[in-house]
Amino acid sequence: MTEEQEGRIAEYVLGTLPAEERAVFERELAADPALRAEVAAWERRLAGLAAQVPPVQPDPRVWAALERAIGPEAPPAAADPAVLTLSAEARLRRSRAWWRSAALAAGALAAGLAAFILLPRGELPARPDSYVAVVNRGGDLPALIVRVDTRAGVVQVRPVRAEVPADRSLELWFVAAGAAPRSLGLIDTGGRKRLAIPEALRGSALEGGTLAVSVEPAGGSPTGAPTGPVVYSGTLIDDPS
């Protein structure tokens, strides 16, 4: 499987594929058992992140908007069937549009991962040397998908929606509790990138550590520590793949 194919699968599972690309992907999914297996693997891989999404009590306005989008539960008995069909289709379109906008407003990451919370965690054997993180900004659309293999000494970075300010670089850092940030390297938002893990982190348990992305001068931090603002962050969890 190519890096581009794997990236599409990851974005599909996260819910970040644009609508047209998602429709094409779902047609492929219906006809390809191997692709369905890959999607299931990514769902298992990201299932642990759902536990990090705190429960939120919806605002009453959300329920009111949902009721308006869905419409009445049952149409009047005397209504014309053709009109009913059209009305139902219109309500469905409105409902879909509302959910798309609501997902963006609430943060597509939480919406995309909440679906995995019912997966049986006990059936997901974890590799102690492999980790995954979805790196984002405060619940916004995912900026990066990062996989870390401490045994191989490799960090794989898949850009999703990361943005680089003009004349600046984005630098990826690993931050363990109570420890100074360690640079993992610069991020190329133009495509997937492989970075080498610092020797001191190879073979270490990284679960629960934080990945942070800071804005640095072009070429990276001149001091070996973050000098600019942190714009994205995410928590590493065991990769059950």
Protein backbone atom coordinates (compact mmCIF):
# COMPACT_ATOMS: atom_id res chain seq x y z
CA MET A 1 0.00 0.00 0.00
CA THR A 2 1.33 3.43 -0.95
CA GLU A 3 1.73 6.31 1.48
CA GLU A 4 -1.01 8.19 -0.37
CA GLN A 5 -3.45 5.29 0.04
CA GLU A 6 -2.69 4.99 3.73
CA GLY A 7 -3.17 8.73 4.12
CA ARG A 8 -6.60 8.57 2.50
CA ILE A 9 -7.62 5.77 4.85
CA ALA A 10 -6.48 7.71 7.90
CA GLU A 11 -8.33 10.83 6.79
CA TYR A 12 -11.46 8.80 6.07
CA VAL A 13 -11.41 7.30 9.56
CA LEU A 14 -10.84 10.74 11.11
CA GLY A 15 -13.65 12.26 9.04
CA THR A 16 -11.42 14.85 7.37
CA LEU A 17 -11.80 13.81 3.73
CA PRO A 18 -13.70 16.41 1.68
CA ALA A 19 -17.25 15.33 0.81
CA GLU A 20 -16.53 14.44 -2.84
CA GLU A 21 -13.40 12.45 -1.99
CA ARG A 22 -15.26 10.70 0.81
CA ALA A 23 -18.03 9.63 -1.58
CA VAL A 24 -15.46 8.19 -4.00
CA PHE A 25 -13.69 6.42 -1.15
CA GLU A 26 -16.91 4.87 0.12
CA ARG A 27 -17.67 3.47 -3.34
CA GLU A 28 -14.21 1.89 -3.36
CA LEU A 29 -14.80 0.62 0.16
CA ALA A 30 -17.99 -1.17 -0.84
CA ALA A 31 -16.17 -3.09 -3.57
CA ASP A 32 -12.83 -3.84 -1.90
CA PRO A 33 -12.64 -6.22 1.11
CA ALA A 34 -8.93 -5.49 1.56
CA LEU A 35 -9.65 -1.77 1.83
CA ARG A 36 -12.35 -2.47 4.42
CA ALA A 37 -9.81 -4.44 6.43
CA GLU A 38 -7.38 -1.51 6.31
CA VAL A 39 -10.10 0.87 7.48
CA ALA A 40 -10.91 -1.47 10.38
CA ALA A 41 -7.23 -1.54 11.30
CA TRP A 42 -7.09 2.26 11.42
CA GLU A 43 -10.25 2.35 13.54
CA ARG A 44 -8.60 0.00 16.03
CA ARG A 45 -5.43 2.06 15.90
CA LEU A 46 -7.23 5.26 16.83
CA ALA A 47 -9.77 3.76 19.24
CA GLY A 48 -7.73 4.70 22.29
CA LEU A 49 -7.95 8.38 21.41
CA ALA A 50 -11.70 8.34 21.98
CA ALA A 51 -11.12 7.88 25.70
CA GLN A 52 -9.29 11.23 25.70
CA VAL A 53 -12.37 13.11 24.47
CA PRO A 54 -14.12 14.47 27.61
CA PRO A 55 -17.93 14.24 27.76
CA VAL A 56 -19.62 17.51 26.91
CA GLN A 57 -23.19 18.50 27.78
CA PRO A 58 -24.72 19.90 24.56
CA ASP A 59 -26.10 23.41 24.68
CA PRO A 60 -29.94 23.47 24.48
CA ARG A 61 -29.60 25.38 21.22
CA VAL A 62 -27.95 22.29 19.70
CA TRP A 63 -31.04 20.19 20.34
CA ALA A 64 -33.30 22.93 18.99
CA ALA A 65 -31.22 23.17 15.81
CA LEU A 66 -31.24 19.40 15.46
CA GLU A 67 -35.03 19.27 15.74
CA ARG A 68 -35.37 21.97 13.10
CA ALA A 69 -32.96 20.13 10.80
CA ILE A 70 -34.70 16.77 11.14
CA GLY A 71 -38.23 18.12 10.97
CA PRO A 72 -41.41 16.52 12.36
CA GLU A 73 -41.38 12.84 13.23
CA ALA A 74 -44.31 11.92 10.99
CA PRO A 75 -45.98 13.79 8.08
CA PRO A 76 -49.74 14.44 7.97
CA ALA A 77 -51.65 11.39 6.73
CA ALA A 78 -53.36 13.28 3.94
CA ALA A 79 -50.19 14.60 2.37
CA ASP A 80 -49.31 13.63 -1.19
CA PRO A 81 -46.74 10.75 -1.28
CA ALA A 82 -44.60 12.48 -3.89
CA VAL A 83 -44.45 15.60 -1.77
CA LEU A 84 -43.61 13.52 1.28
CA THR A 85 -40.71 11.88 -0.51
CA LEU A 86 -39.36 15.22 -1.62
CA SER A 87 -39.83 16.64 1.87
CA ALA A 88 -37.99 13.73 3.45
CA GLU A 89 -35.12 14.11 1.02
CA ALA A 90 -34.98 17.83 1.70
CA ARG A 91 -34.91 17.22 5.45
CA LEU A 92 -32.14 14.69 5.00
CA ARG A 93 -30.09 17.17 2.99
CA ARG A 94 -30.65 19.85 5.64
CA SER A 95 -29.72 17.40 8.36
CA ARG A 96 -26.50 16.45 6.62
CA ALA A 97 -25.60 20.08 6.05
CA TRP A 98 -26.28 20.91 9.69
CA TRP A 99 -24.15 18.06 10.94
CA ARG A 100 -21.28 19.07 8.67
CA SER A 101 -21.31 22.60 10.04
CA ALA A 102 -21.82 21.39 13.61
CA ALA A 103 -18.89 19.02 13.30
CA LEU A 104 -16.65 21.84 12.16
CA ALA A 105 -17.83 24.08 14.94
CA ALA A 106 -17.38 21.47 17.66
CA GLY A 107 -14.13 20.06 16.27
CA ALA A 108 -14.05 17.32 13.68
CA LEU A 109 -11.50 15.36 15.66
CA ALA A 110 -13.80 14.66 18.57
CA ALA A 111 -16.70 13.87 16.27
CA GLY A 112 -14.63 11.51 14.18
CA LEU A 113 -13.19 9.61 17.13
CA ALA A 114 -16.33 9.36 19.24
CA ALA A 115 -17.60 6.61 16.96
CA PHE A 116 -14.80 4.34 18.13
CA ILE A 117 -15.48 4.56 21.85
CA LEU A 118 -17.53 1.34 21.88
CA LEU A 119 -14.76 -0.78 20.42
CA PRO A 120 -13.66 -3.47 22.90
CA ARG A 121 -10.35 -2.22 24.24
CA GLY A 122 -9.45 -5.63 25.67
CA GLU A 123 -9.19 -7.08 22.18
CA LEU A 124 -6.56 -4.58 21.05
CA PRO A 125 -3.08 -5.94 21.76
CA ALA A 126 -0.63 -3.04 21.94
CA ARG A 127 2.97 -3.01 20.82
CA PRO A 128 5.02 -1.39 23.60
CA ASP A 129 7.35 0.20 21.06
CA SER A 130 4.79 1.66 18.65
CA TYR A 131 2.66 4.74 19.24
CA VAL A 132 0.26 6.99 17.38
CA ALA A 133 -1.02 10.54 17.92
CA VAL A 134 -3.42 12.89 16.20
CA VAL A 135 -1.93 16.36 16.54
CA ASN A 136 -4.33 19.28 16.37
CA ARG A 137 -5.10 22.72 17.75
CA GLY A 138 -7.68 22.74 20.53
CA GLY A 139 -10.11 20.31 18.90
CA ASP A 140 -9.78 21.75 15.40
CA LEU A 141 -9.35 19.58 12.34
CA PRO A 142 -6.32 17.29 12.71
CA ALA A 143 -3.10 18.94 11.59
CA LEU A 144 -0.88 15.84 11.62
CA ILE A 145 -1.08 12.11 12.11
CA VAL A 146 2.12 10.88 13.75
CA ARG A 147 3.29 7.31 14.23
CA VAL A 148 6.35 6.56 16.36
CA ASP A 149 8.30 3.29 16.33
CA THR A 150 10.95 3.38 19.05
CA ARG A 151 12.31 -0.03 18.05
CA ALA A 152 12.98 1.08 14.48
CA GLY A 153 13.88 4.60 15.61
CA VAL A 154 11.45 6.21 13.17
CA VAL A 155 8.79 8.91 13.38
CA GLN A 156 6.33 8.99 10.47
CA VAL A 157 4.52 12.30 10.02
CA ARG A 158 1.48 12.59 7.79
CA PRO A 159 0.33 16.21 7.26
CA VAL A 160 -3.43 16.66 7.17
CA ARG A 161 -4.29 20.32 7.76
CA ALA A 162 -1.06 21.78 9.15
CA GLU A 163 -0.22 25.30 8.01
CA VAL A 164 3.22 26.93 8.01
CA PRO A 165 3.47 30.73 8.45
CA ALA A 166 5.46 32.52 5.77
CA ASP A 167 9.24 32.44 6.24
CA ARG A 168 8.94 30.10 9.23
CA SER A 169 9.33 26.39 9.96
CA LEU A 170 7.23 24.00 12.01
CA GLU A 171 9.23 21.90 14.45
CA LEU A 172 7.97 18.73 16.14
CA TRP A 173 8.84 18.09 19.80
CA PHE A 174 8.37 15.21 22.21
CA VAL A 175 7.55 16.30 25.76
CA ALA A 176 7.58 13.77 28.62
CA ALA A 177 6.14 14.67 32.02
CA GLY A 178 8.61 16.83 33.92
CA ALA A 179 11.20 16.74 31.14
CA ALA A 180 12.50 19.29 28.67
CA PRO A 181 11.15 19.10 25.10
CA ARG A 182 13.22 17.06 22.65
CA SER A 183 13.20 18.00 18.99
CA LEU A 184 12.10 15.31 16.55
CA GLY A 185 12.76 17.47 13.50
CA LEU A 186 11.11 19.83 11.06
CA ILE A 187 7.74 19.11 9.47
CA ASP A 188 7.20 19.23 5.73
CA THR A 189 3.53 20.03 5.11
CA GLY A 190 3.91 19.17 1.44
CA GLY A 191 3.94 15.43 2.05
CA ARG A 192 4.69 12.58 4.39
CA LYS A 193 8.03 12.65 6.16
CA ARG A 194 10.16 10.19 8.12
CA LEU A 195 12.20 11.53 11.02
CA ALA A 196 14.82 9.80 13.16
CA ILE A 197 14.10 9.39 16.87
CA PRO A 198 16.83 10.82 19.12
CA GLU A 199 19.04 8.06 20.48
CA ALA A 200 17.99 8.82 24.05
CA LEU A 201 14.35 8.02 23.26
CA ARG A 202 14.91 4.75 21.41
CA GLY A 203 13.43 1.85 23.30
CA SER A 204 11.72 4.19 25.77
CA ALA A 205 8.06 3.98 26.78
CA LEU A 206 6.44 7.07 25.29
CA GLU A 207 2.75 6.46 26.04
CA GLY A 208 1.11 9.52 27.56
CA GLY A 209 3.84 11.82 26.32
CA THR A 210 2.92 14.90 24.34
CA LEU A 211 3.83 15.81 20.80
CA ALA A 212 3.96 19.56 20.28
CA VAL A 213 4.53 21.65 17.17
CA SER A 214 6.06 25.11 17.48
CA VAL A 215 6.60 27.89 14.99
CA GLU A 216 10.34 28.50 14.60
CA PRO A 217 12.65 30.59 12.42
CA ALA A 218 13.29 29.10 8.99
CA GLY A 219 15.46 26.03 9.47
CA GLY A 220 14.34 25.33 13.03
CA SER A 221 15.01 26.47 16.57
CA PRO A 222 18.48 28.02 16.96
CA THR A 223 18.64 27.06 20.65
CA GLY A 224 17.60 23.40 20.73
CA ALA A 225 14.44 24.35 22.62
CA PRO A 226 11.12 25.80 21.41
CA THR A 227 11.41 29.53 20.83
CA GLY A 228 8.06 30.25 19.18
CA PRO A 229 4.42 29.57 20.01
CA VAL A 230 3.08 26.02 20.17
CA VAL A 231 0.36 25.80 17.54
CA TYR A 232 -0.52 22.07 17.61
CA SER A 233 -0.32 19.28 20.17
CA GLY A 234 -1.46 15.71 20.76
CA THR A 235 -0.98 12.78 23.14
CA LEU A 236 0.79 9.56 22.19
CA ILE A 237 -1.08 6.30 22.80
CA ASP A 238 -0.12 2.69 22.18
CA ASP A 239 -0.55 1.69 18.54
CA PRO A 240 -2.53 -1.59 18.52
CA SER A 241 -1.73 -2.37 14.90
